[in-house]
PDB file of N, CA and C in Angstrom:
ATOM      1  N   MET A   1     -15.350  59.397  36.099  1.00  0.00           N
ATOM      2  CA  MET A   1     -16.194  58.255  35.817  1.00  0.00           C
ATOM      3  C   MET A   1     -17.063  58.560  34.596  1.00  0.00           C
ATOM      4  N   THR A   2     -17.101  57.628  33.669  1.00  0.00           N
ATOM      5  CA  THR A   2     -17.911  57.805  32.470  1.00  0.00           C
ATOM      6  C   THR A   2     -19.242  57.115  32.683  1.00  0.00           C
ATOM      7  N   VAL A   3     -20.299  57.872  32.649  1.00  0.00           N
ATOM      8  CA  VAL A   3     -21.629  57.315  32.857  1.00  0.00           C
ATOM      9  C   VAL A   3     -22.139  56.745  31.541  1.00  0.00           C
ATOM     10  N   GLY A   4     -22.819  55.604  31.625  1.00  0.00           N
ATOM     11  CA  GLY A   4     -23.416  55.022  30.432  1.00  0.00           C
ATOM     12  C   GLY A   4     -22.454  54.245  29.572  1.00  0.00           C
ATOM     13  N   SER A   5     -21.322  53.852  30.129  1.00  0.00           N
ATOM     14  CA  SER A   5     -20.411  53.026  29.352  1.00  0.00           C
ATOM     15  C   SER A   5     -19.890  51.912  30.244  1.00  0.00           C
ATOM     16  N   ASP A   6     -19.258  50.938  29.624  1.00  0.00           N
ATOM     17  CA  ASP A   6     -18.760  49.803  30.394  1.00  0.00           C
ATOM     18  C   ASP A   6     -17.486  50.138  31.174  1.00  0.00           C
ATOM     19  N   ILE A   7     -16.928  51.339  30.983  1.00  0.00           N
ATOM     20  CA  ILE A   7     -15.688  51.712  31.675  1.00  0.00           C
ATOM     21  C   ILE A   7     -15.900  51.753  33.190  1.00  0.00           C
ATOM     22  N   SER A   8     -17.041  52.296  33.625  1.00  0.00           N
ATOM     23  CA  SER A   8     -17.279  52.396  35.068  1.00  0.00           C
ATOM     24  C   SER A   8     -17.550  51.021  35.687  1.00  0.00           C
ATOM     25  N   ARG A   9     -18.185  50.134  34.931  1.00  0.00           N
ATOM     26  CA  ARG A   9     -18.476  48.792  35.456  1.00  0.00           C
ATOM     27  C   ARG A   9     -17.263  47.876  35.401  1.00  0.00           C
ATOM     28  N   TYR A  10     -16.392  48.100  34.404  1.00  0.00           N
ATOM     29  CA  TYR A  10     -15.202  47.266  34.232  1.00  0.00           C
ATOM     30  C   TYR A  10     -13.970  48.168  34.187  1.00  0.00           C
ATOM     31  N   PRO A  11     -13.492  48.598  35.352  1.00  0.00           N
ATOM     32  CA  PRO A  11     -12.399  49.585  35.380  1.00  0.00           C
ATOM     33  C   PRO A  11     -11.098  49.091  34.756  1.00  0.00           C
ATOM     34  N   ASN A  12     -10.902  47.752  34.634  1.00  0.00           N
ATOM     35  CA  ASN A  12      -9.656  47.244  34.065  1.00  0.00           C
ATOM     36  C   ASN A  12      -9.712  47.110  32.542  1.00  0.00           C
ATOM     37  N   THR A  13     -10.843  47.431  31.947  1.00  0.00           N
ATOM     38  CA  THR A  13     -10.977  47.381  30.497  1.00  0.00           C
ATOM     39  C   THR A  13     -10.159  48.516  29.892  1.00  0.00           C
ATOM     40  N   PRO A  14      -9.292  48.193  28.913  1.00  0.00           N
ATOM     41  CA  PRO A  14      -8.510  49.280  28.297  1.00  0.00           C
ATOM     42  C   PRO A  14      -9.426  50.297  27.620  1.00  0.00           C
ATOM     43  N   ARG A  15      -9.041  51.539  27.713  1.00  0.00           N
ATOM     44  CA  ARG A  15      -9.837  52.608  27.091  1.00  0.00           C
ATOM     45  C   ARG A  15      -9.675  52.527  25.576  1.00  0.00           C
ATOM     46  N   PRO A  16     -10.667  52.999  24.834  1.00  0.00           N
ATOM     47  CA  PRO A  16     -10.530  53.031  23.373  1.00  0.00           C
ATOM     48  C   PRO A  16      -9.296  53.823  22.966  1.00  0.00           C
ATOM     49  N   THR A  17      -8.661  53.440  21.883  1.00  0.00           N
ATOM     50  CA  THR A  17      -7.441  54.120  21.466  1.00  0.00           C
ATOM     51  C   THR A  17      -7.737  55.440  20.761  1.00  0.00           C
ATOM     52  N   CYS A  18      -8.922  55.568  20.180  1.00  0.00           N
ATOM     53  CA  CYS A  18      -9.279  56.799  19.482  1.00  0.00           C
ATOM     54  C   CYS A  18     -10.801  56.893  19.428  1.00  0.00           C
ATOM     55  N   ARG A  19     -11.310  58.099  19.612  1.00  0.00           N
ATOM     56  CA  ARG A  19     -12.760  58.300  19.502  1.00  0.00           C
ATOM     57  C   ARG A  19     -13.022  59.740  19.097  1.00  0.00           C
ATOM     58  N   GLY A  20     -14.126  59.936  18.403  1.00  0.00           N
ATOM     59  CA  GLY A  20     -14.485  61.282  17.990  1.00  0.00           C
ATOM     60  C   GLY A  20     -15.424  61.271  16.800  1.00  0.00           C
ATOM     61  N   TYR A  21     -15.872  62.455  16.444  1.00  0.00           N
ATOM     62  CA  TYR A  21     -16.779  62.588  15.302  1.00  0.00           C
ATOM     63  C   TYR A  21     -15.988  62.620  14.001  1.00  0.00           C
ATOM     64  N   LEU A  22     -16.489  61.882  13.021  1.00  0.00           N
ATOM     65  CA  LEU A  22     -15.994  61.914  11.650  1.00  0.00           C
ATOM     66  C   LEU A  22     -17.217  61.941  10.743  1.00  0.00           C
ATOM     67  N   HIS A  23     -17.052  62.424   9.543  1.00  0.00           N
ATOM     68  CA  HIS A  23     -18.122  62.318   8.557  1.00  0.00           C
ATOM     69  C   HIS A  23     -17.842  61.064   7.731  1.00  0.00           C
ATOM     70  N   LYS A  24     -18.870  60.246   7.574  1.00  0.00           N
ATOM     71  CA  LYS A  24     -18.753  59.002   6.827  1.00  0.00           C
ATOM     72  C   LYS A  24     -19.554  59.134   5.545  1.00  0.00           C
ATOM     73  N   ARG A  25     -18.951  58.725   4.446  1.00  0.00           N
ATOM     74  CA  ARG A  25     -19.643  58.818   3.164  1.00  0.00           C
ATOM     75  C   ARG A  25     -20.705  57.724   3.079  1.00  0.00           C
ATOM     76  N   THR A  26     -21.894  58.126   2.694  1.00  0.00           N
ATOM     77  CA  THR A  26     -23.018  57.205   2.558  1.00  0.00           C
ATOM     78  C   THR A  26     -23.210  56.889   1.088  1.00  0.00           C
ATOM     79  N   GLN A  27     -23.311  55.612   0.775  1.00  0.00           N
ATOM     80  CA  GLN A  27     -23.420  55.177  -0.610  1.00  0.00           C
ATOM     81  C   GLN A  27     -24.610  54.249  -0.837  1.00  0.00           C
ATOM     82  N   SER A  28     -25.640  54.363  -0.031  1.00  0.00           N
ATOM     83  CA  SER A  28     -26.788  53.472  -0.206  1.00  0.00           C
ATOM     84  C   SER A  28     -27.588  53.888  -1.441  1.00  0.00           C
ATOM     85  N   ALA A  29     -28.511  53.049  -1.839  1.00  0.00           N
ATOM     86  CA  ALA A  29     -29.327  53.334  -3.027  1.00  0.00           C
ATOM     87  C   ALA A  29     -30.166  54.592  -2.840  1.00  0.00           C
ATOM     88  N   ILE A  30     -30.590  54.842  -1.609  1.00  0.00           N
ATOM     89  CA  ILE A  30     -31.479  55.972  -1.330  1.00  0.00           C
ATOM     90  C   ILE A  30     -30.686  57.222  -0.956  1.00  0.00           C
ATOM     91  N   LEU A  31     -29.746  57.060  -0.021  1.00  0.00           N
ATOM     92  CA  LEU A  31     -28.990  58.200   0.504  1.00  0.00           C
ATOM     93  C   LEU A  31     -27.584  58.266  -0.090  1.00  0.00           C
ATOM     94  N   LYS A  32     -27.176  59.454  -0.471  1.00  0.00           N
ATOM     95  CA  LYS A  32     -25.797  59.676  -0.891  1.00  0.00           C
ATOM     96  C   LYS A  32     -25.340  60.973  -0.230  1.00  0.00           C
ATOM     97  N   GLY A  33     -24.092  60.997   0.177  1.00  0.00           N
ATOM     98  CA  GLY A  33     -23.576  62.193   0.831  1.00  0.00           C
ATOM     99  C   GLY A  33     -22.748  61.829   2.049  1.00  0.00           C
ATOM    100  N   TRP A  34     -22.620  62.759   2.983  1.00  0.00           N
ATOM    101  CA  TRP A  34     -21.792  62.586   4.173  1.00  0.00           C
ATOM    102  C   TRP A  34     -22.657  62.680   5.415  1.00  0.00           C
ATOM    103  N   ARG A  35     -22.455  61.781   6.364  1.00  0.00           N
ATOM    104  CA  ARG A  35     -23.182  61.771   7.627  1.00  0.00           C
ATOM    105  C   ARG A  35     -22.185  61.856   8.779  1.00  0.00           C
ATOM    106  N   LYS A  36     -22.474  62.739   9.724  1.00  0.00           N
ATOM    107  CA  LYS A  36     -21.633  62.884  10.912  1.00  0.00           C
ATOM    108  C   LYS A  36     -21.953  61.731  11.861  1.00  0.00           C
ATOM    109  N   ARG A  37     -20.922  60.988  12.261  1.00  0.00           N
ATOM    110  CA  ARG A  37     -21.097  59.845  13.159  1.00  0.00           C
ATOM    111  C   ARG A  37     -20.009  59.860  14.233  1.00  0.00           C
ATOM    112  N   TRP A  38     -20.311  59.261  15.382  1.00  0.00           N
ATOM    113  CA  TRP A  38     -19.374  59.143  16.503  1.00  0.00           C
ATOM    114  C   TRP A  38     -18.637  57.815  16.354  1.00  0.00           C
ATOM    115  N   PHE A  39     -17.322  57.887  16.122  1.00  0.00           N
ATOM    116  CA  PHE A  39     -16.514  56.687  15.919  1.00  0.00           C
ATOM    117  C   PHE A  39     -15.694  56.357  17.153  1.00  0.00           C
ATOM    118  N   VAL A  40     -15.555  55.059  17.405  1.00  0.00           N
ATOM    119  CA  VAL A  40     -14.748  54.572  18.523  1.00  0.00           C
ATOM    120  C   VAL A  40     -13.863  53.456  17.991  1.00  0.00           C
ATOM    121  N   LEU A  41     -12.547  53.648  18.114  1.00  0.00           N
ATOM    122  CA  LEU A  41     -11.596  52.601  17.748  1.00  0.00           C
ATOM    123  C   LEU A  41     -11.180  51.918  19.036  1.00  0.00           C
ATOM    124  N   LYS A  42     -11.590  50.677  19.197  1.00  0.00           N
ATOM    125  CA  LYS A  42     -11.323  49.932  20.431  1.00  0.00           C
ATOM    126  C   LYS A  42      -9.892  49.416  20.456  1.00  0.00           C
ATOM    127  N   HIS A  43      -9.415  49.101  21.668  1.00  0.00           N
ATOM    128  CA  HIS A  43      -8.060  48.586  21.854  1.00  0.00           C
ATOM    129  C   HIS A  43      -7.852  47.257  21.130  1.00  0.00           C
ATOM    130  N   ASN A  44      -8.943  46.525  20.834  1.00  0.00           N
ATOM    131  CA  ASN A  44      -8.823  45.224  20.173  1.00  0.00           C
ATOM    132  C   ASN A  44      -8.822  45.338  18.644  1.00  0.00           C
ATOM    133  N   GLY A  45      -8.794  46.573  18.125  1.00  0.00           N
ATOM    134  CA  GLY A  45      -8.697  46.766  16.688  1.00  0.00           C
ATOM    135  C   GLY A  45     -10.029  46.827  15.958  1.00  0.00           C
ATOM    136  N   TYR A  46     -11.120  46.925  16.702  1.00  0.00           N
ATOM    137  CA  TYR A  46     -12.433  47.036  16.071  1.00  0.00           C
ATOM    138  C   TYR A  46     -12.876  48.498  16.038  1.00  0.00           C
ATOM    139  N   LEU A  47     -13.328  48.927  14.874  1.00  0.00           N
ATOM    140  CA  LEU A  47     -13.845  50.278  14.706  1.00  0.00           C
ATOM    141  C   LEU A  47     -15.364  50.186  14.696  1.00  0.00           C
ATOM    142  N   GLN A  48     -15.983  50.950  15.561  1.00  0.00           N
ATOM    143  CA  GLN A  48     -17.447  50.952  15.594  1.00  0.00           C
ATOM    144  C   GLN A  48     -17.929  52.388  15.571  1.00  0.00           C
ATOM    145  N   TYR A  49     -19.184  52.556  15.147  1.00  0.00           N
ATOM    146  CA  TYR A  49     -19.704  53.916  15.144  1.00  0.00           C
ATOM    147  C   TYR A  49     -21.169  53.955  15.533  1.00  0.00           C
ATOM    148  N   TYR A  50     -21.532  55.140  16.010  1.00  0.00           N
ATOM    149  CA  TYR A  50     -22.869  55.421  16.519  1.00  0.00           C
ATOM    150  C   TYR A  50     -23.383  56.675  15.834  1.00  0.00           C
ATOM    151  N   LYS A  51     -24.677  56.881  15.935  1.00  0.00           N
ATOM    152  CA  LYS A  51     -25.267  58.089  15.372  1.00  0.00           C
ATOM    153  C   LYS A  51     -24.786  59.319  16.156  1.00  0.00           C
ATOM    154  N   HIS A  52     -24.737  59.207  17.499  1.00  0.00           N
ATOM    155  CA  HIS A  52     -24.348  60.324  18.365  1.00  0.00           C
ATOM    156  C   HIS A  52     -23.392  59.845  19.453  1.00  0.00           C
ATOM    157  N   LYS A  53     -22.614  60.766  20.000  1.00  0.00           N
ATOM    158  CA  LYS A  53     -21.678  60.474  21.089  1.00  0.00           C
ATOM    159  C   LYS A  53     -22.396  59.847  22.283  1.00  0.00           C
ATOM    160  N   LYS A  54     -23.581  60.364  22.599  1.00  0.00           N
ATOM    161  CA  LYS A  54     -24.320  59.878  23.773  1.00  0.00           C
ATOM    162  C   LYS A  54     -24.777  58.425  23.638  1.00  0.00           C
ATOM    163  N   ASP A  55     -24.768  57.892  22.422  1.00  0.00           N
ATOM    164  CA  ASP A  55     -25.201  56.503  22.197  1.00  0.00           C
ATOM    165  C   ASP A  55     -24.136  55.481  22.610  1.00  0.00           C
ATOM    166  N   GLU A  56     -22.875  55.907  22.687  1.00  0.00           N
ATOM    167  CA  GLU A  56     -21.796  54.985  23.046  1.00  0.00           C
ATOM    168  C   GLU A  56     -22.049  54.421  24.439  1.00  0.00           C
ATOM    169  N   GLY A  57     -22.060  53.113  24.546  1.00  0.00           N
ATOM    170  CA  GLY A  57     -22.291  52.465  25.824  1.00  0.00           C
ATOM    171  C   GLY A  57     -23.761  52.280  26.168  1.00  0.00           C
ATOM    172  N   LYS A  58     -24.646  52.948  25.441  1.00  0.00           N
ATOM    173  CA  LYS A  58     -26.084  52.826  25.706  1.00  0.00           C
ATOM    174  C   LYS A  58     -26.797  52.029  24.618  1.00  0.00           C
ATOM    175  N   CYS A  59     -26.342  52.197  23.388  1.00  0.00           N
ATOM    176  CA  CYS A  59     -26.957  51.522  22.239  1.00  0.00           C
ATOM    177  C   CYS A  59     -25.914  50.613  21.581  1.00  0.00           C
ATOM    178  N   ARG A  60     -26.420  49.700  20.784  1.00  0.00           N
ATOM    179  CA  ARG A  60     -25.498  48.895  19.988  1.00  0.00           C
ATOM    180  C   ARG A  60     -24.937  49.779  18.886  1.00  0.00           C
ATOM    181  N   PRO A  61     -23.662  49.558  18.504  1.00  0.00           N
ATOM    182  CA  PRO A  61     -23.102  50.368  17.422  1.00  0.00           C
ATOM    183  C   PRO A  61     -23.853  50.108  16.113  1.00  0.00           C
ATOM    184  N   LEU A  62     -23.878  51.090  15.235  1.00  0.00           N
ATOM    185  CA  LEU A  62     -24.515  50.935  13.933  1.00  0.00           C
ATOM    186  C   LEU A  62     -23.755  49.908  13.095  1.00  0.00           C
ATOM    187  N   GLU A  63     -22.444  49.872  13.296  1.00  0.00           N
ATOM    188  CA  GLU A  63     -21.621  48.902  12.586  1.00  0.00           C
ATOM    189  C   GLU A  63     -20.310  48.709  13.334  1.00  0.00           C
ATOM    190  N   VAL A  64     -19.758  47.498  13.229  1.00  0.00           N
ATOM    191  CA  VAL A  64     -18.464  47.169  13.835  1.00  0.00           C
ATOM    192  C   VAL A  64     -17.602  46.548  12.737  1.00  0.00           C
ATOM    193  N   THR A  65     -16.392  47.054  12.573  1.00  0.00           N
ATOM    194  CA  THR A  65     -15.497  46.575  11.533  1.00  0.00           C
ATOM    195  C   THR A  65     -14.131  46.261  12.123  1.00  0.00           C
ATOM    196  N   LYS A  66     -13.614  45.092  11.798  1.00  0.00           N
ATOM    197  CA  LYS A  66     -12.269  44.710  12.251  1.00  0.00           C
ATOM    198  C   LYS A  66     -11.248  45.354  11.314  1.00  0.00           C
ATOM    199  N   LEU A  67     -10.273  46.066  11.893  1.00  0.00           N
ATOM    200  CA  LEU A  67      -9.300  46.790  11.076  1.00  0.00           C
ATOM    201  C   LEU A  67      -8.045  45.981  10.763  1.00  0.00           C
ATOM    202  N   GLU A  68      -7.797  44.908  11.473  1.00  0.00           N
ATOM    203  CA  GLU A  68      -6.576  44.127  11.248  1.00  0.00           C
ATOM    204  C   GLU A  68      -6.496  43.700   9.786  1.00  0.00           C
ATOM    205  N   GLY A  69      -5.372  44.040   9.143  1.00  0.00           N
ATOM    206  CA  GLY A  69      -5.160  43.682   7.749  1.00  0.00           C
ATOM    207  C   GLY A  69      -5.821  44.617   6.749  1.00  0.00           C
ATOM    208  N   ALA A  70      -6.503  45.654   7.225  1.00  0.00           N
ATOM    209  CA  ALA A  70      -7.188  46.591   6.322  1.00  0.00           C
ATOM    210  C   ALA A  70      -6.186  47.486   5.606  1.00  0.00           C
ATOM    211  N   GLU A  71      -6.648  48.076   4.531  1.00  0.00           N
ATOM    212  CA  GLU A  71      -5.852  49.043   3.787  1.00  0.00           C
ATOM    213  C   GLU A  71      -6.371  50.431   4.166  1.00  0.00           C
ATOM    214  N   ILE A  72      -5.469  51.293   4.620  1.00  0.00           N
ATOM    215  CA  ILE A  72      -5.878  52.614   5.101  1.00  0.00           C
ATOM    216  C   ILE A  72      -4.986  53.679   4.486  1.00  0.00           C
ATOM    217  N   GLY A  73      -5.577  54.796   4.107  1.00  0.00           N
ATOM    218  CA  GLY A  73      -4.758  55.869   3.563  1.00  0.00           C
ATOM    219  C   GLY A  73      -5.567  57.089   3.186  1.00  0.00           C
ATOM    220  N   VAL A  74      -4.842  58.163   2.897  1.00  0.00           N
ATOM    221  CA  VAL A  74      -5.448  59.429   2.480  1.00  0.00           C
ATOM    222  C   VAL A  74      -6.064  59.225   1.100  1.00  0.00           C
ATOM    223  N   ASP A  75      -7.186  59.885   0.839  1.00  0.00           N
ATOM    224  CA  ASP A  75      -7.853  59.764  -0.455  1.00  0.00           C
ATOM    225  C   ASP A  75      -8.125  61.151  -1.020  1.00  0.00           C
ATOM    226  N   THR A  76      -7.640  61.397  -2.234  1.00  0.00           N
ATOM    227  CA  THR A  76      -7.838  62.708  -2.864  1.00  0.00           C
ATOM    228  C   THR A  76      -8.838  62.633  -4.019  1.00  0.00           C
ATOM    229  N   SER A  77      -9.364  61.448  -4.295  1.00  0.00           N
ATOM    230  CA  SER A  77     -10.238  61.257  -5.464  1.00  0.00           C
ATOM    231  C   SER A  77     -11.591  61.954  -5.334  1.00  0.00           C
ATOM    232  N   LEU A  78     -12.009  62.276  -4.113  1.00  0.00           N
ATOM    233  CA  LEU A  78     -13.332  62.872  -3.922  1.00  0.00           C
ATOM    234  C   LEU A  78     -13.305  64.399  -3.953  1.00  0.00           C
ATOM    235  N   GLY A  79     -12.099  64.977  -4.059  1.00  0.00           N
ATOM    236  CA  GLY A  79     -11.979  66.427  -4.176  1.00  0.00           C
ATOM    237  C   GLY A  79     -12.326  67.185  -2.902  1.00  0.00           C
ATOM    238  N   LYS A  80     -12.227  66.516  -1.763  1.00  0.00           N
ATOM    239  CA  LYS A  80     -12.531  67.132  -0.461  1.00  0.00           C
ATOM    240  C   LYS A  80     -11.284  67.037   0.411  1.00  0.00           C
ATOM    241  N   PRO A  81     -11.017  68.040   1.246  1.00  0.00           N
ATOM    242  CA  PRO A  81      -9.840  67.938   2.118  1.00  0.00           C
ATOM    243  C   PRO A  81     -10.108  66.994   3.305  1.00  0.00           C
ATOM    244  N   PHE A  82      -9.046  66.431   3.849  1.00  0.00           N
ATOM    245  CA  PHE A  82      -9.057  65.614   5.069  1.00  0.00           C
ATOM    246  C   PHE A  82      -9.861  64.314   4.911  1.00  0.00           C
ATOM    247  N   VAL A  83      -9.893  63.784   3.702  1.00  0.00           N
ATOM    248  CA  VAL A  83     -10.607  62.524   3.459  1.00  0.00           C
ATOM    249  C   VAL A  83      -9.605  61.372   3.479  1.00  0.00           C
ATOM    250  N   PHE A  84      -9.985  60.302   4.147  1.00  0.00           N
ATOM    251  CA  PHE A  84      -9.183  59.084   4.131  1.00  0.00           C
ATOM    252  C   PHE A  84     -10.119  57.890   4.011  1.00  0.00           C
ATOM    253  N   LYS A  85      -9.543  56.768   3.563  1.00  0.00           N
ATOM    254  CA  LYS A  85     -10.389  55.596   3.329  1.00  0.00           C
ATOM    255  C   LYS A  85      -9.858  54.385   4.068  1.00  0.00           C
ATOM    256  N   CYS A  86     -10.745  53.446   4.244  1.00  0.00           N
ATOM    257  CA  CYS A  86     -10.417  52.193   4.918  1.00  0.00           C
ATOM    258  C   CYS A  86     -11.070  51.069   4.125  1.00  0.00           C
ATOM    259  N   ILE A  87     -10.253  50.110   3.708  1.00  0.00           N
ATOM    260  CA  ILE A  87     -10.763  48.941   2.998  1.00  0.00           C
ATOM    261  C   ILE A  87     -10.486  47.726   3.877  1.00  0.00           C
ATOM    262  N   PRO A  88     -11.488  47.277   4.634  1.00  0.00           N
ATOM    263  CA  PRO A  88     -11.284  46.117   5.510  1.00  0.00           C
ATOM    264  C   PRO A  88     -10.941  44.867   4.703  1.00  0.00           C
ATOM    265  N   GLN A  89     -10.130  43.999   5.309  1.00  0.00           N
ATOM    266  CA  GLN A  89      -9.688  42.770   4.658  1.00  0.00           C
ATOM    267  C   GLN A  89     -10.880  41.853   4.367  1.00  0.00           C
ATOM    268  N   SER A  90     -11.838  41.843   5.284  1.00  0.00           N
ATOM    269  CA  SER A  90     -12.952  40.899   5.211  1.00  0.00           C
ATOM    270  C   SER A  90     -14.032  41.267   4.200  1.00  0.00           C
ATOM    271  N   GLY A  91     -14.194  42.554   3.943  1.00  0.00           N
ATOM    272  CA  GLY A  91     -15.355  42.961   3.164  1.00  0.00           C
ATOM    273  C   GLY A  91     -15.062  43.414   1.757  1.00  0.00           C
ATOM    274  N   ASN A  92     -16.133  43.641   1.034  1.00  0.00           N
ATOM    275  CA  ASN A  92     -16.009  44.184  -0.322  1.00  0.00           C
ATOM    276  C   ASN A  92     -16.499  45.626  -0.304  1.00  0.00           C
ATOM    277  N   ARG A  93     -16.212  46.301   0.781  1.00  0.00           N
ATOM    278  CA  ARG A  93     -16.709  47.644   1.010  1.00  0.00           C
ATOM    279  C   ARG A  93     -15.545  48.598   1.271  1.00  0.00           C
ATOM    280  N   ILE A  94     -15.711  49.834   0.841  1.00  0.00           N
ATOM    281  CA  ILE A  94     -14.717  50.865   1.135  1.00  0.00           C
ATOM    282  C   ILE A  94     -15.398  51.923   1.987  1.00  0.00           C
ATOM    283  N   PHE A  95     -14.788  52.218   3.130  1.00  0.00           N
ATOM    284  CA  PHE A  95     -15.285  53.290   3.986  1.00  0.00           C
ATOM    285  C   PHE A  95     -14.515  54.559   3.645  1.00  0.00           C
ATOM    286  N   TYR A  96     -15.237  55.656   3.446  1.00  0.00           N
ATOM    287  CA  TYR A  96     -14.611  56.966   3.261  1.00  0.00           C
ATOM    288  C   TYR A  96     -14.964  57.821   4.465  1.00  0.00           C
ATOM    289  N   PHE A  97     -13.933  58.414   5.072  1.00  0.00           N
ATOM    290  CA  PHE A  97     -14.118  59.262   6.244  1.00  0.00           C
ATOM    291  C   PHE A  97     -13.595  60.651   5.934  1.00  0.00           C
ATOM    292  N   CYS A  98     -14.198  61.656   6.558  1.00  0.00           N
ATOM    293  CA  CYS A  98     -13.732  63.029   6.403  1.00  0.00           C
ATOM    294  C   CYS A  98     -13.569  63.625   7.804  1.00  0.00           C
ATOM    295  N   ALA A  99     -12.352  64.049   8.103  1.00  0.00           N
ATOM    296  CA  ALA A  99     -12.058  64.678   9.394  1.00  0.00           C
ATOM    297  C   ALA A  99     -12.241  66.197   9.271  1.00  0.00           C
ATOM    298  N   THR A 100     -12.227  66.874  10.408  1.00  0.00           N
ATOM    299  CA  THR A 100     -12.441  68.327  10.416  1.00  0.00           C
ATOM    300  C   THR A 100     -11.145  69.106  10.180  1.00  0.00           C
ATOM    301  N   SER A 101      -9.994  68.432  10.328  1.00  0.00           N
ATOM    302  CA  SER A 101      -8.710  69.111  10.124  1.00  0.00           C
ATOM    303  C   SER A 101      -7.653  68.078   9.733  1.00  0.00           C
ATOM    304  N   ASN A 102      -6.527  68.572   9.250  1.00  0.00           N
ATOM    305  CA  ASN A 102      -5.421  67.689   8.896  1.00  0.00           C
ATOM    306  C   ASN A 102      -4.890  66.977  10.133  1.00  0.00           C
ATOM    307  N   GLN A 103      -4.823  67.701  11.252  1.00  0.00           N
ATOM    308  CA  GLN A 103      -4.334  67.131  12.512  1.00  0.00           C
ATOM    309  C   GLN A 103      -5.247  65.987  12.971  1.00  0.00           C
ATOM    310  N   GLU A 104      -6.557  66.196  12.866  1.00  0.00           N
ATOM    311  CA  GLU A 104      -7.532  65.177  13.255  1.00  0.00           C
ATOM    312  C   GLU A 104      -7.420  63.955  12.335  1.00  0.00           C
ATOM    313  N   MET A 105      -7.246  64.192  11.053  1.00  0.00           N
ATOM    314  CA  MET A 105      -7.085  63.093  10.103  1.00  0.00           C
ATOM    315  C   MET A 105      -5.841  62.271  10.443  1.00  0.00           C
ATOM    316  N   LYS A 106      -4.731  62.954  10.743  1.00  0.00           N
ATOM    317  CA  LYS A 106      -3.489  62.257  11.091  1.00  0.00           C
ATOM    318  C   LYS A 106      -3.652  61.423  12.364  1.00  0.00           C
ATOM    319  N   ARG A 107      -4.379  61.971  13.340  1.00  0.00           N
ATOM    320  CA  ARG A 107      -4.622  61.256  14.606  1.00  0.00           C
ATOM    321  C   ARG A 107      -5.353  59.936  14.323  1.00  0.00           C
ATOM    322  N   TRP A 108      -6.385  59.999  13.491  1.00  0.00           N
ATOM    323  CA  TRP A 108      -7.146  58.793  13.150  1.00  0.00           C
ATOM    324  C   TRP A 108      -6.310  57.818  12.330  1.00  0.00           C
ATOM    325  N   LEU A 109      -5.569  58.324  11.347  1.00  0.00           N
ATOM    326  CA  LEU A 109      -4.749  57.447  10.509  1.00  0.00           C
ATOM    327  C   LEU A 109      -3.695  56.710  11.331  1.00  0.00           C
ATOM    328  N   GLU A 110      -3.062  57.414  12.269  1.00  0.00           N
ATOM    329  CA  GLU A 110      -2.032  56.781  13.119  1.00  0.00           C
ATOM    330  C   GLU A 110      -2.659  55.705  14.001  1.00  0.00           C
ATOM    331  N   SER A 111      -3.802  55.992  14.595  1.00  0.00           N
ATOM    332  CA  SER A 111      -4.479  55.019  15.466  1.00  0.00           C
ATOM    333  C   SER A 111      -4.953  53.817  14.663  1.00  0.00           C
ATOM    334  N   MET A 112      -5.501  54.066  13.484  1.00  0.00           N
ATOM    335  CA  MET A 112      -5.980  52.970  12.638  1.00  0.00           C
ATOM    336  C   MET A 112      -4.831  52.109  12.143  1.00  0.00           C
ATOM    337  N   GLU A 113      -3.723  52.756  11.806  1.00  0.00           N
ATOM    338  CA  GLU A 113      -2.544  52.039  11.322  1.00  0.00           C
ATOM    339  C   GLU A 113      -2.048  51.042  12.373  1.00  0.00           C
ATOM    340  N   LYS A 114      -2.085  51.438  13.653  1.00  0.00           N
ATOM    341  CA  LYS A 114      -1.693  50.535  14.744  1.00  0.00           C
ATOM    342  C   LYS A 114      -2.646  49.351  14.847  1.00  0.00           C
ATOM    343  N   ALA A 115      -3.932  49.589  14.573  1.00  0.00           N
ATOM    344  CA  ALA A 115      -4.933  48.510  14.632  1.00  0.00           C
ATOM    345  C   ALA A 115      -4.790  47.557  13.436  1.00  0.00           C
ATOM    346  N   VAL A 116      -4.331  48.093  12.306  1.00  0.00           N
ATOM    347  CA  VAL A 116      -4.147  47.284  11.102  1.00  0.00           C
ATOM    348  C   VAL A 116      -2.995  46.299  11.292  1.00  0.00           C
ATOM    349  N   HIS A 117      -1.928  46.748  11.934  1.00  0.00           N
ATOM    350  CA  HIS A 117      -0.748  45.911  12.183  1.00  0.00           C
ATOM    351  C   HIS A 117      -0.505  45.781  13.684  1.00  0.00           C
ATOM    352  N   PRO A 118      -1.290  44.953  14.384  1.00  0.00           N
ATOM    353  CA  PRO A 118      -1.138  44.883  15.841  1.00  0.00           C
ATOM    354  C   PRO A 118       0.170  44.236  16.280  1.00  0.00           C
TER     355      PRO A 118
END
C-alpha cells in the first residue's frame, strides 16, 4: 500500500508508467543550471514533476505537461551525457532532462515515446 497517494484510495487506478528522479534544466531569468526533481509519467500521457519524491500524492505537481504529439529524443548539444529533450506539441518550451545512466535514459525515452503515440 502506498501511503499519501491516490493509489490506496482508488485501487483500480492504473499505476504510473514511469517514475523517478531526473535532473531538469532550469532556464529562468534568475536561475540557470540543473535541478533534481521527482518525475511521474501517468498512464494518461501526462508528465508531472515534484520537488521531492515524498510530495507525490501530497502536493500539487510543480508542472503537468501532456506528452501526446511531443517531440522526444537524445540531445548532445549541451555536452553532458544522458541528456534528452522533450518539446511538447502545445507549448513553445523545450524541456531538457538528464538521467543518471544510459539505462535510465532509455527507460524514460521508451515510456515517453509510448505516451507521445498512444
